[in-house]
């Protein structure tokens, strides 16, 4: 059965720029967390998921990594890394959660103004995304899953991460489209996948497996 509306796959290219803002200690980090753009918050919590790693990094979150390596604040690093990114549908909510963790940590410390070593300052970056069509379009649910092996990790990243958090959607683009086309059960199954645990290639394989299992049932 043809879909109510075809699914057009998009991809993104990102331009990363330095903001010129940097923090030497947690007080400066906290102040800048209030001031920087939402794009900076998204970049520092998500860019490592798009990168290819032969080994998974200890921390995907740049704030957690800096707290650990530059400040040796392992307790704070663990708390920042434990923030559940799936719990938020807006950058504002995510920003507030990060601020709350840093604020609470500072309130519990007696020596909390320590500067990082020179050269280890936290440099805020932000990214600008350029969204472009891939030319891959699915006109039905079976065709949608037949298209998935052809899409890149950048396309998957856009439809699962960018569209949901930066664009404020309540779910990923795939689940939203499937639900609109009468596949609510399959949409829920895909929505339940945690995109932050596997690599993007592993995530794509899991989505394809769910689709094939559903279509063959």
Protein backbone atom coordinates (compact mmCIF):
# COMPACT_ATOMS: atom_id res chain seq x y z
CA UNK A 1 0.00 0.00 0.00
CA UNK A 2 1.41 3.43 -0.92
CA UNK A 3 2.19 5.72 2.00
CA UNK A 4 0.03 8.73 2.74
CA UNK A 5 3.13 10.80 2.12
CA UNK A 6 6.51 9.52 0.87
CA UNK A 7 9.43 9.51 3.28
CA UNK A 8 12.30 11.61 1.96
CA UNK A 9 15.67 10.84 3.52
CA UNK A 10 17.86 13.83 4.33
CA UNK A 11 21.47 14.15 5.33
CA UNK A 12 23.42 16.89 7.05
CA UNK A 13 26.79 18.51 6.82
CA UNK A 14 28.04 20.43 9.84
CA UNK A 15 30.26 23.45 10.11
CA UNK A 16 31.90 23.58 13.54
CA UNK A 17 33.16 26.94 14.79
CA UNK A 18 34.83 28.16 17.97
CA UNK A 19 32.72 30.63 19.93
CA UNK A 20 35.72 32.26 21.60
CA UNK A 21 34.25 31.42 25.00
CA UNK A 22 36.28 29.30 27.39
CA UNK A 23 36.10 28.13 30.98
CA UNK A 24 39.01 27.54 33.36
CA UNK A 25 36.94 26.29 36.28
CA UNK A 26 33.44 25.16 37.17
CA UNK A 27 32.19 28.63 38.08
CA UNK A 28 33.10 29.90 34.63
CA UNK A 29 31.65 26.79 33.01
CA UNK A 30 28.38 27.27 34.87
CA UNK A 31 28.12 30.91 33.83
CA UNK A 32 28.76 30.08 30.20
CA UNK A 33 26.30 27.19 30.23
CA UNK A 34 23.61 29.82 30.79
CA UNK A 35 24.90 32.02 27.97
CA UNK A 36 25.95 29.85 25.04
CA UNK A 37 23.65 28.96 22.18
CA UNK A 38 21.56 25.82 22.10
CA UNK A 39 23.71 24.73 19.18
CA UNK A 40 26.74 24.67 21.49
CA UNK A 41 24.91 22.56 24.08
CA UNK A 42 23.83 20.10 21.39
CA UNK A 43 27.30 19.93 19.87
CA UNK A 44 29.10 19.17 23.13
CA UNK A 45 26.63 16.44 24.12
CA UNK A 46 26.19 14.78 20.72
CA UNK A 47 29.07 15.22 18.28
CA UNK A 48 30.97 12.14 19.47
CA UNK A 49 28.04 9.90 18.54
CA UNK A 50 28.53 10.79 14.88
CA UNK A 51 32.28 10.20 14.97
CA UNK A 52 33.62 6.75 14.17
CA UNK A 53 35.53 5.20 17.06
CA UNK A 54 37.50 1.98 16.99
CA UNK A 55 36.93 1.91 20.74
CA UNK A 56 34.02 3.56 22.49
CA UNK A 57 35.20 6.61 24.45
CA UNK A 58 34.82 6.66 28.21
CA UNK A 59 32.68 9.80 27.96
CA UNK A 60 30.68 10.91 24.93
CA UNK A 61 29.68 14.10 26.74
CA UNK A 62 32.38 16.80 26.36
CA UNK A 63 31.47 18.36 29.71
CA UNK A 64 31.99 15.03 31.49
CA UNK A 65 35.26 14.45 29.65
CA UNK A 66 36.60 17.87 30.64
CA UNK A 67 35.55 17.44 34.27
CA UNK A 68 37.43 14.15 34.38
CA UNK A 69 40.58 15.01 32.45
CA UNK A 70 41.12 18.71 33.20
CA UNK A 71 39.70 18.98 36.72
CA UNK A 72 40.04 15.39 37.97
CA UNK A 73 36.46 15.73 39.20
CA UNK A 74 35.45 12.12 38.60
CA UNK A 75 32.26 12.31 40.64
CA UNK A 76 31.02 15.23 38.56
CA UNK A 77 32.10 13.54 35.35
CA UNK A 78 30.09 10.45 36.20
CA UNK A 79 27.01 12.52 37.02
CA UNK A 80 27.25 14.49 33.79
CA UNK A 81 27.72 11.29 31.81
CA UNK A 82 24.69 9.75 33.52
CA UNK A 83 22.30 12.41 32.22
CA UNK A 84 19.67 10.53 30.20
CA UNK A 85 19.59 12.30 26.84
CA UNK A 86 16.44 10.40 25.86
CA UNK A 87 14.56 12.11 28.67
CA UNK A 88 14.56 15.44 26.83
CA UNK A 89 12.79 16.72 23.74
CA UNK A 90 14.30 20.22 23.74
CA UNK A 91 17.78 21.67 24.08
CA UNK A 92 16.47 23.95 26.82
CA UNK A 93 15.57 20.95 28.98
CA UNK A 94 18.98 19.39 28.39
CA UNK A 95 20.76 22.65 29.22
CA UNK A 96 18.82 22.93 32.48
CA UNK A 97 19.74 19.38 33.45
CA UNK A 98 23.45 20.01 32.89
CA UNK A 99 23.28 23.26 34.84
CA UNK A 100 21.50 21.49 37.71
CA UNK A 101 24.20 18.82 37.95
CA UNK A 102 27.05 21.36 37.99
CA UNK A 103 25.22 23.63 40.45
CA UNK A 104 24.56 20.76 42.86
CA UNK A 105 28.17 19.60 42.66
CA UNK A 106 29.50 23.09 43.38
CA UNK A 107 27.19 23.44 46.38
CA UNK A 108 28.61 20.26 47.91
CA UNK A 109 32.28 21.16 47.47
CA UNK A 110 34.45 23.19 49.84
CA UNK A 111 37.26 23.65 47.31
CA UNK A 112 35.35 24.15 44.09
CA UNK A 113 37.16 27.06 42.47
CA UNK A 114 40.19 25.14 41.23
CA UNK A 115 41.38 26.19 37.79
CA UNK A 116 42.34 23.61 35.22
CA UNK A 117 45.98 23.49 34.06
CA UNK A 118 46.90 26.12 31.48
CA UNK A 119 46.03 24.85 28.02
CA UNK A 120 43.24 22.57 29.27
CA UNK A 121 40.48 25.19 29.27
CA UNK A 122 37.04 24.15 28.02
CA UNK A 123 36.55 25.80 24.65
CA UNK A 124 32.93 26.14 23.62
CA UNK A 125 32.15 25.26 20.02
CA UNK A 126 28.91 25.34 18.12
CA UNK A 127 27.82 23.81 14.86
CA UNK A 128 25.66 24.92 11.99
CA UNK A 129 23.89 22.14 10.14
CA UNK A 130 23.23 22.23 6.43
CA UNK A 131 20.36 19.88 5.62
CA UNK A 132 20.14 18.41 2.13
CA UNK A 133 17.97 15.76 0.45
CA UNK A 134 19.73 12.51 -0.39
CA UNK A 135 17.47 11.74 -3.32
CA UNK A 136 16.36 8.54 -1.58
CA UNK A 137 12.58 8.46 -1.20
CA UNK A 138 10.32 5.66 0.08
CA UNK A 139 6.72 5.44 -1.13
CA UNK A 140 5.67 2.51 1.06
CA UNK A 141 6.71 0.79 4.27
CA UNK A 142 8.45 -2.14 2.50
CA UNK A 143 10.28 0.33 0.27
CA UNK A 144 11.29 2.33 3.35
CA UNK A 145 13.12 -0.65 4.83
CA UNK A 146 14.60 -1.54 1.46
CA UNK A 147 16.13 1.95 1.39
CA UNK A 148 17.75 1.78 4.83
CA UNK A 149 20.89 -0.16 3.81
CA UNK A 150 21.68 2.68 1.38
CA UNK A 151 21.55 5.56 3.85
CA UNK A 152 24.67 6.94 5.53
CA UNK A 153 25.30 7.38 9.23
CA UNK A 154 24.87 11.14 8.72
CA UNK A 155 21.35 10.53 7.44
CA UNK A 156 20.53 8.29 10.38
CA UNK A 157 22.03 10.85 12.78
CA UNK A 158 19.83 13.58 11.35
CA UNK A 159 16.57 11.62 11.53
CA UNK A 160 17.26 10.16 14.99
CA UNK A 161 19.20 12.86 16.85
CA UNK A 162 18.89 16.22 15.11
CA UNK A 163 15.21 16.03 14.24
CA UNK A 164 14.16 14.85 17.67
CA UNK A 165 16.11 17.15 19.98
CA UNK A 166 17.09 20.21 17.96
CA UNK A 167 13.80 20.38 16.04
CA UNK A 168 11.71 19.48 19.08
CA UNK A 169 9.98 16.36 17.76
CA UNK A 170 8.66 13.96 20.39
CA UNK A 171 10.07 10.94 18.58
CA UNK A 172 12.46 10.12 15.77
CA UNK A 173 11.42 10.77 12.18
CA UNK A 174 11.21 7.09 11.28
CA UNK A 175 8.73 6.25 14.05
CA UNK A 176 6.68 9.34 13.34
CA UNK A 177 6.30 8.44 9.66
CA UNK A 178 5.55 4.77 10.35
CA UNK A 179 2.88 5.68 12.91
CA UNK A 180 1.28 8.07 10.42
CA UNK A 181 1.10 5.19 7.95
CA UNK A 182 -0.66 2.71 10.19
CA UNK A 183 2.39 0.97 11.64
CA UNK A 184 2.03 2.11 15.25
CA UNK A 185 3.42 -1.12 16.75
CA UNK A 186 6.54 -1.02 14.60
CA UNK A 187 6.91 2.70 15.28
CA UNK A 188 6.87 2.07 19.03
CA UNK A 189 9.42 -0.73 18.72
CA UNK A 190 11.85 1.55 16.89
CA UNK A 191 11.18 4.40 19.29
CA UNK A 192 12.14 2.13 22.20
CA UNK A 193 15.63 1.63 20.78
CA UNK A 194 18.23 3.61 22.69
CA UNK A 195 20.24 5.40 19.97
CA UNK A 196 22.94 6.39 22.46
CA UNK A 197 24.16 2.89 23.31
CA UNK A 198 25.08 1.28 19.96
CA UNK A 199 27.14 2.73 17.16
CA UNK A 200 25.16 4.29 14.34
CA UNK A 201 25.88 1.27 12.14
CA UNK A 202 24.61 -1.03 14.88
CA UNK A 203 21.52 1.15 15.34
CA UNK A 204 20.75 0.98 11.62
CA UNK A 205 21.12 -2.80 11.66
CA UNK A 206 18.69 -3.07 14.58
CA UNK A 207 16.11 -0.92 12.80
CA UNK A 208 16.41 -3.00 9.64
CA UNK A 209 16.04 -6.21 11.65
CA UNK A 210 12.88 -4.92 13.34
CA UNK A 211 11.43 -3.92 9.98
CA UNK A 212 12.16 -7.22 8.28
CA UNK A 213 10.76 -9.18 11.22
CA UNK A 214 7.57 -7.11 11.14
CA UNK A 215 7.11 -7.37 7.38
CA UNK A 216 7.60 -11.14 7.40
CA UNK A 217 5.13 -11.72 10.23
